Amino acid sequence: MFIQGHYIITRSFMYMIGHYDRYGNPFTQIVETDRTIFINKSPIEVLAYSLRCTGFTLDGAIESSKWIMKMDKMVPVVANPYQEVILFPTRSLTHEDNIWFNPYQIRRTSNIKGKTLIILSNHSSLYIPTRLTSFNTKIQTAEQLKKLTTEASNGTYMMVLEPEKRKEEKKTNNK
C-alpha cells in the first residue's frame, strides 16, 4: 500500500473514509471511480488542502454553506467550486466514523434491515449504519446546495433575504 501526501478532489471522487494506522496516525482512504488512494492526512485535512489549492478555505466553505442552506450542523460543502463538486458528511465533521460522499456518484440507495446500501456509479456498493431516510435527506441537501451555488454563479438565481418585510409592504400597498 502506497500512501500519498496530498490529494485534490475532482469529479471522479466518490467517497472518503478516515482510518488510523498501527501507530495511531490518521490516514484517509479515498475511492474514485477507477482507483483507491490512501493519503497520510485525516479527511478534514484532505478537504481543507483541496480547497486551499483551489483558492478557498474549509472554514469559508462551511460558513457559506451554513448561510446558504440555513443549517447549523452537518452541512454539505463545495469541495471543488471549479468542477462543481459538493460533498456531504454522514456524521459530524470531526467524528472519526464520518464518511464524505459525492452525491453525483451515488446511483441508488436501499434500505436493508434499517441500514443503508449505497450503489455507486462504478457499480460498487457500500453498506453504512445510517437510516435510509436520513441518508437520502443529506443527498437532497447536497444537491440543493449545488443548484443554489451554480445558479448563483451563473447569474440566474434570485434569493429573497427578508420575506417578512416584503409581506408587510404588500399589505400596506394593497390598503
C-alpha atoms as a PDB file:
ATOM      1  CA  MET A   1       0.000   0.000   0.000  1.00  0.00           C
ATOM      2  CA  PHE A   2       1.474   3.334  -1.119  1.00  0.00           C
ATOM      3  CA  ILE A   3       0.389   6.397   0.888  1.00  0.00           C
ATOM      4  CA  GLN A   4       0.447   9.788  -0.813  1.00  0.00           C
ATOM      5  CA  GLY A   5       0.938  13.153   0.855  1.00  0.00           C
ATOM      6  CA  HIS A   6      -1.809  15.192  -0.794  1.00  0.00           C
ATOM      7  CA  TYR A   7      -4.950  14.997  -2.934  1.00  0.00           C
ATOM      8  CA  ILE A   8      -7.200  17.436  -4.795  1.00  0.00           C
ATOM      9  CA  ILE A   9     -10.877  16.494  -5.012  1.00  0.00           C
ATOM     10  CA  THR A  10     -12.238  16.151  -8.561  1.00  0.00           C
ATOM     11  CA  ARG A  11     -15.433  14.861 -10.186  1.00  0.00           C
ATOM     12  CA  SER A  12     -14.178  11.265 -10.085  1.00  0.00           C
ATOM     13  CA  PHE A  13     -14.168  11.384  -6.252  1.00  0.00           C
ATOM     14  CA  MET A  14     -16.828   9.032  -4.838  1.00  0.00           C
ATOM     15  CA  TYR A  15     -16.222   8.951  -1.071  1.00  0.00           C
ATOM     16  CA  MET A  16     -13.546   9.114   1.614  1.00  0.00           C
ATOM     17  CA  ILE A  17     -13.204   7.394   4.971  1.00  0.00           C
ATOM     18  CA  GLY A  18     -10.778   8.147   7.784  1.00  0.00           C
ATOM     19  CA  HIS A  19      -8.663   5.402   9.374  1.00  0.00           C
ATOM     20  CA  TYR A  20      -5.735   5.098  11.775  1.00  0.00           C
ATOM     21  CA  ASP A  21      -2.508   3.207  11.135  1.00  0.00           C
ATOM     22  CA  ARG A  22      -0.948   0.879  13.722  1.00  0.00           C
ATOM     23  CA  TYR A  23       0.847   3.846  15.326  1.00  0.00           C
ATOM     24  CA  GLY A  24      -2.351   5.862  15.762  1.00  0.00           C
ATOM     25  CA  ASN A  25      -1.649   8.269  12.883  1.00  0.00           C
ATOM     26  CA  PRO A  26      -4.668   9.296  10.811  1.00  0.00           C
ATOM     27  CA  PHE A  27      -4.897   8.498   7.106  1.00  0.00           C
ATOM     28  CA  THR A  28      -7.689   8.683   4.572  1.00  0.00           C
ATOM     29  CA  GLN A  29      -8.947   6.135   2.096  1.00  0.00           C
ATOM     30  CA  ILE A  30     -10.267   7.936  -0.989  1.00  0.00           C
ATOM     31  CA  VAL A  31     -12.291   5.961  -3.506  1.00  0.00           C
ATOM     32  CA  GLU A  32     -12.585   7.319  -7.032  1.00  0.00           C
ATOM     33  CA  THR A  33     -14.472   5.789  -9.941  1.00  0.00           C
ATOM     34  CA  ASP A  34     -11.435   3.817 -11.109  1.00  0.00           C
ATOM     35  CA  ARG A  35      -8.964   3.674  -8.191  1.00  0.00           C
ATOM     36  CA  THR A  36      -8.453   3.823  -4.419  1.00  0.00           C
ATOM     37  CA  ILE A  37      -5.917   6.229  -2.937  1.00  0.00           C
ATOM     38  CA  PHE A  38      -4.502   6.494   0.573  1.00  0.00           C
ATOM     39  CA  ILE A  39      -3.470   9.900   1.932  1.00  0.00           C
ATOM     40  CA  ASN A  40      -1.489  10.440   5.160  1.00  0.00           C
ATOM     41  CA  LYS A  41      -3.934  13.100   6.428  1.00  0.00           C
ATOM     42  CA  SER A  42      -7.344  12.985   8.094  1.00  0.00           C
ATOM     43  CA  PRO A  43     -10.428  13.512   5.853  1.00  0.00           C
ATOM     44  CA  ILE A  44     -10.863  17.084   7.150  1.00  0.00           C
ATOM     45  CA  GLU A  45      -7.225  17.833   6.327  1.00  0.00           C
ATOM     46  CA  VAL A  46      -7.684  16.365   2.817  1.00  0.00           C
ATOM     47  CA  LEU A  47     -10.750  18.540   2.265  1.00  0.00           C
ATOM     48  CA  ALA A  48      -9.001  21.642   3.649  1.00  0.00           C
ATOM     49  CA  TYR A  49      -5.929  21.036   1.440  1.00  0.00           C
ATOM     50  CA  SER A  50      -8.050  20.505  -1.656  1.00  0.00           C
ATOM     51  CA  LEU A  51      -9.982  23.729  -1.051  1.00  0.00           C
ATOM     52  CA  ARG A  52      -6.788  25.650  -0.304  1.00  0.00           C
ATOM     53  CA  CYS A  53      -5.324  24.515  -3.652  1.00  0.00           C
ATOM     54  CA  THR A  54      -8.363  25.945  -5.470  1.00  0.00           C
ATOM     55  CA  GLY A  55      -8.106  29.272  -3.637  1.00  0.00           C
ATOM     56  CA  PHE A  56     -10.684  28.728  -0.888  1.00  0.00           C
ATOM     57  CA  THR A  57     -10.724  27.709   2.764  1.00  0.00           C
ATOM     58  CA  LEU A  58     -12.633  24.986   4.574  1.00  0.00           C
ATOM     59  CA  ASP A  59     -13.895  27.454   7.189  1.00  0.00           C
ATOM     60  CA  GLY A  60     -15.178  29.740   4.436  1.00  0.00           C
ATOM     61  CA  ALA A  61     -16.843  26.852   2.591  1.00  0.00           C
ATOM     62  CA  ILE A  62     -18.589  25.661   5.768  1.00  0.00           C
ATOM     63  CA  GLU A  63     -19.667  29.177   6.746  1.00  0.00           C
ATOM     64  CA  SER A  64     -21.034  29.854   3.253  1.00  0.00           C
ATOM     65  CA  SER A  65     -22.867  26.543   3.191  1.00  0.00           C
ATOM     66  CA  LYS A  66     -24.461  27.255   6.573  1.00  0.00           C
ATOM     67  CA  TRP A  67     -25.572  30.675   5.351  1.00  0.00           C
ATOM     68  CA  ILE A  68     -26.955  29.449   2.019  1.00  0.00           C
ATOM     69  CA  MET A  69     -28.690  26.354   3.412  1.00  0.00           C
ATOM     70  CA  LYS A  70     -29.852  27.952   6.696  1.00  0.00           C
ATOM     71  CA  MET A  71     -28.445  24.972   8.629  1.00  0.00           C
ATOM     72  CA  ASP A  72     -26.147  24.763  11.636  1.00  0.00           C
ATOM     73  CA  LYS A  73     -24.824  21.200  11.618  1.00  0.00           C
ATOM     74  CA  MET A  74     -23.525  18.630   9.145  1.00  0.00           C
ATOM     75  CA  VAL A  75     -23.768  20.928   6.158  1.00  0.00           C
ATOM     76  CA  PRO A  76     -22.674  19.848   2.685  1.00  0.00           C
ATOM     77  CA  VAL A  77     -19.556  21.611   1.417  1.00  0.00           C
ATOM     78  CA  VAL A  78     -18.489  22.846  -2.009  1.00  0.00           C
ATOM     79  CA  ALA A  79     -15.257  20.832  -2.244  1.00  0.00           C
ATOM     80  CA  ASN A  80     -14.179  21.981  -5.704  1.00  0.00           C
ATOM     81  CA  PRO A  81     -16.013  25.088  -6.940  1.00  0.00           C
ATOM     82  CA  TYR A  82     -14.459  24.917 -10.423  1.00  0.00           C
ATOM     83  CA  GLN A  83     -15.677  21.394 -11.102  1.00  0.00           C
ATOM     84  CA  GLU A  84     -18.876  21.903  -9.049  1.00  0.00           C
ATOM     85  CA  VAL A  85     -18.111  19.034  -6.662  1.00  0.00           C
ATOM     86  CA  ILE A  86     -20.211  19.000  -3.499  1.00  0.00           C
ATOM     87  CA  LEU A  87     -19.520  16.645  -0.594  1.00  0.00           C
ATOM     88  CA  PHE A  88     -21.743  15.803   2.333  1.00  0.00           C
ATOM     89  CA  PRO A  89     -20.847  14.138   5.642  1.00  0.00           C
ATOM     90  CA  THR A  90     -22.683  11.180   7.156  1.00  0.00           C
ATOM     91  CA  ARG A  91     -21.852  12.338  10.696  1.00  0.00           C
ATOM     92  CA  SER A  92     -20.358  15.340  12.463  1.00  0.00           C
ATOM     93  CA  LEU A  93     -17.421  16.814  10.537  1.00  0.00           C
ATOM     94  CA  THR A  94     -14.932  15.819  13.235  1.00  0.00           C
ATOM     95  CA  HIS A  95     -16.404  12.388  14.088  1.00  0.00           C
ATOM     96  CA  GLU A  96     -13.931   9.608  13.364  1.00  0.00           C
ATOM     97  CA  ASP A  97     -16.599   7.421  11.680  1.00  0.00           C
ATOM     98  CA  ASN A  98     -17.670  10.177   9.290  1.00  0.00           C
ATOM     99  CA  ILE A  99     -17.752   9.339   5.582  1.00  0.00           C
ATOM    100  CA  TRP A 100     -17.739  12.103   2.946  1.00  0.00           C
ATOM    101  CA  PHE A 101     -19.790  11.355  -0.193  1.00  0.00           C
ATOM    102  CA  ASN A 102     -20.091  12.983  -3.593  1.00  0.00           C
ATOM    103  CA  PRO A 103     -23.856  12.825  -4.383  1.00  0.00           C
ATOM    104  CA  TYR A 104     -23.112  12.923  -8.111  1.00  0.00           C
ATOM    105  CA  GLN A 105     -21.512   9.469  -7.824  1.00  0.00           C
ATOM    106  CA  ILE A 106     -24.446   7.837  -5.966  1.00  0.00           C
ATOM    107  CA  ARG A 107     -26.785   5.921  -8.287  1.00  0.00           C
ATOM    108  CA  ARG A 108     -29.181   4.265  -5.863  1.00  0.00           C
ATOM    109  CA  THR A 109     -29.833   3.781  -2.162  1.00  0.00           C
ATOM    110  CA  SER A 110     -31.758   0.962  -0.477  1.00  0.00           C
ATOM    111  CA  ASN A 111     -32.868   0.032   2.995  1.00  0.00           C
ATOM    112  CA  ILE A 112     -31.560  -3.271   4.360  1.00  0.00           C
ATOM    113  CA  LYS A 113     -32.543  -4.084   7.945  1.00  0.00           C
ATOM    114  CA  GLY A 114     -32.616  -0.423   8.998  1.00  0.00           C
ATOM    115  CA  LYS A 115     -29.263   0.382   7.399  1.00  0.00           C
ATOM    116  CA  THR A 116     -28.395   1.929   4.019  1.00  0.00           C
ATOM    117  CA  LEU A 117     -26.967   0.174   0.988  1.00  0.00           C
ATOM    118  CA  ILE A 118     -25.397   2.624  -1.465  1.00  0.00           C
ATOM    119  CA  ILE A 119     -24.839   1.701  -5.119  1.00  0.00           C
ATOM    120  CA  LEU A 120     -22.184   3.930  -6.690  1.00  0.00           C
ATOM    121  CA  SER A 121     -21.604   4.992 -10.285  1.00  0.00           C
ATOM    122  CA  ASN A 122     -18.890   2.373 -10.870  1.00  0.00           C
ATOM    123  CA  HIS A 123     -21.372  -0.347  -9.754  1.00  0.00           C
ATOM    124  CA  SER A 124     -19.601  -0.924  -6.444  1.00  0.00           C
ATOM    125  CA  SER A 125     -21.606  -0.775  -3.237  1.00  0.00           C
ATOM    126  CA  LEU A 126     -21.163   0.335   0.331  1.00  0.00           C
ATOM    127  CA  TYR A 127     -23.225  -0.589   3.377  1.00  0.00           C
ATOM    128  CA  ILE A 128     -23.376   2.033   6.154  1.00  0.00           C
ATOM    129  CA  PRO A 129     -25.121   2.057   9.565  1.00  0.00           C
ATOM    130  CA  THR A 130     -27.380   5.024   8.795  1.00  0.00           C
ATOM    131  CA  ARG A 131     -31.141   5.126   8.243  1.00  0.00           C
ATOM    132  CA  LEU A 132     -32.121   5.415   4.585  1.00  0.00           C
ATOM    133  CA  THR A 133     -34.341   8.462   5.125  1.00  0.00           C
ATOM    134  CA  SER A 134     -31.562  10.325   6.917  1.00  0.00           C
ATOM    135  CA  PHE A 135     -29.044   9.495   4.184  1.00  0.00           C
ATOM    136  CA  ASN A 136     -31.419  10.469   1.351  1.00  0.00           C
ATOM    137  CA  THR A 137     -32.137  13.798   3.076  1.00  0.00           C
ATOM    138  CA  LYS A 138     -28.393  14.508   3.123  1.00  0.00           C
ATOM    139  CA  ILE A 139     -28.181  13.730  -0.603  1.00  0.00           C
ATOM    140  CA  GLN A 140     -31.061  16.118  -1.331  1.00  0.00           C
ATOM    141  CA  THR A 141     -29.486  18.864   0.791  1.00  0.00           C
ATOM    142  CA  ALA A 142     -26.185  18.493  -1.082  1.00  0.00           C
ATOM    143  CA  GLU A 143     -27.996  18.638  -4.436  1.00  0.00           C
ATOM    144  CA  GLN A 144     -29.838  21.776  -3.308  1.00  0.00           C
ATOM    145  CA  LEU A 145     -26.531  23.402  -2.368  1.00  0.00           C
ATOM    146  CA  LYS A 146     -25.136  22.553  -5.791  1.00  0.00           C
ATOM    147  CA  LYS A 147     -28.182  24.021  -7.513  1.00  0.00           C
ATOM    148  CA  LEU A 148     -28.092  27.184  -5.430  1.00  0.00           C
ATOM    149  CA  THR A 149     -24.361  27.780  -5.853  1.00  0.00           C
ATOM    150  CA  THR A 150     -24.185  27.017  -9.575  1.00  0.00           C
ATOM    151  CA  GLU A 151     -27.260  29.105 -10.379  1.00  0.00           C
ATOM    152  CA  ALA A 152     -25.926  31.973  -8.283  1.00  0.00           C
ATOM    153  CA  SER A 153     -22.588  31.905 -10.112  1.00  0.00           C
ATOM    154  CA  ASN A 154     -24.369  31.852 -13.481  1.00  0.00           C
ATOM    155  CA  GLY A 155     -26.400  34.910 -12.507  1.00  0.00           C
ATOM    156  CA  THR A 156     -29.789  33.181 -12.781  1.00  0.00           C
ATOM    157  CA  TYR A 157     -30.615  32.796  -9.114  1.00  0.00           C
ATOM    158  CA  MET A 158     -32.728  35.198  -7.049  1.00  0.00           C
ATOM    159  CA  MET A 159     -32.809  34.980  -3.267  1.00  0.00           C
ATOM    160  CA  VAL A 160     -35.336  36.839  -1.111  1.00  0.00           C
ATOM    161  CA  LEU A 161     -33.486  37.712   2.080  1.00  0.00           C
ATOM    162  CA  GLU A 162     -36.289  39.398   4.006  1.00  0.00           C
ATOM    163  CA  PRO A 163     -39.589  37.713   3.052  1.00  0.00           C
ATOM    164  CA  GLU A 164     -41.442  39.036   6.128  1.00  0.00           C
ATOM    165  CA  LYS A 165     -40.652  42.634   5.190  1.00  0.00           C
ATOM    166  CA  ARG A 166     -41.982  42.074   1.658  1.00  0.00           C
ATOM    167  CA  LYS A 167     -45.256  40.650   3.009  1.00  0.00           C
ATOM    168  CA  GLU A 168     -45.706  43.768   5.174  1.00  0.00           C
ATOM    169  CA  GLU A 169     -45.015  46.065   2.191  1.00  0.00           C
ATOM    170  CA  LYS A 170     -47.641  44.222   0.083  1.00  0.00           C
ATOM    171  CA  LYS A 171     -50.220  44.560   2.852  1.00  0.00           C
ATOM    172  CA  THR A 172     -49.652  48.319   3.159  1.00  0.00           C
ATOM    173  CA  ASN A 173     -49.702  48.808  -0.621  1.00  0.00           C
ATOM    174  CA  ASN A 174     -52.985  46.874  -1.008  1.00  0.00           C
ATOM    175  CA  LYS A 175     -54.877  49.002   1.546  1.00  0.00           C
END
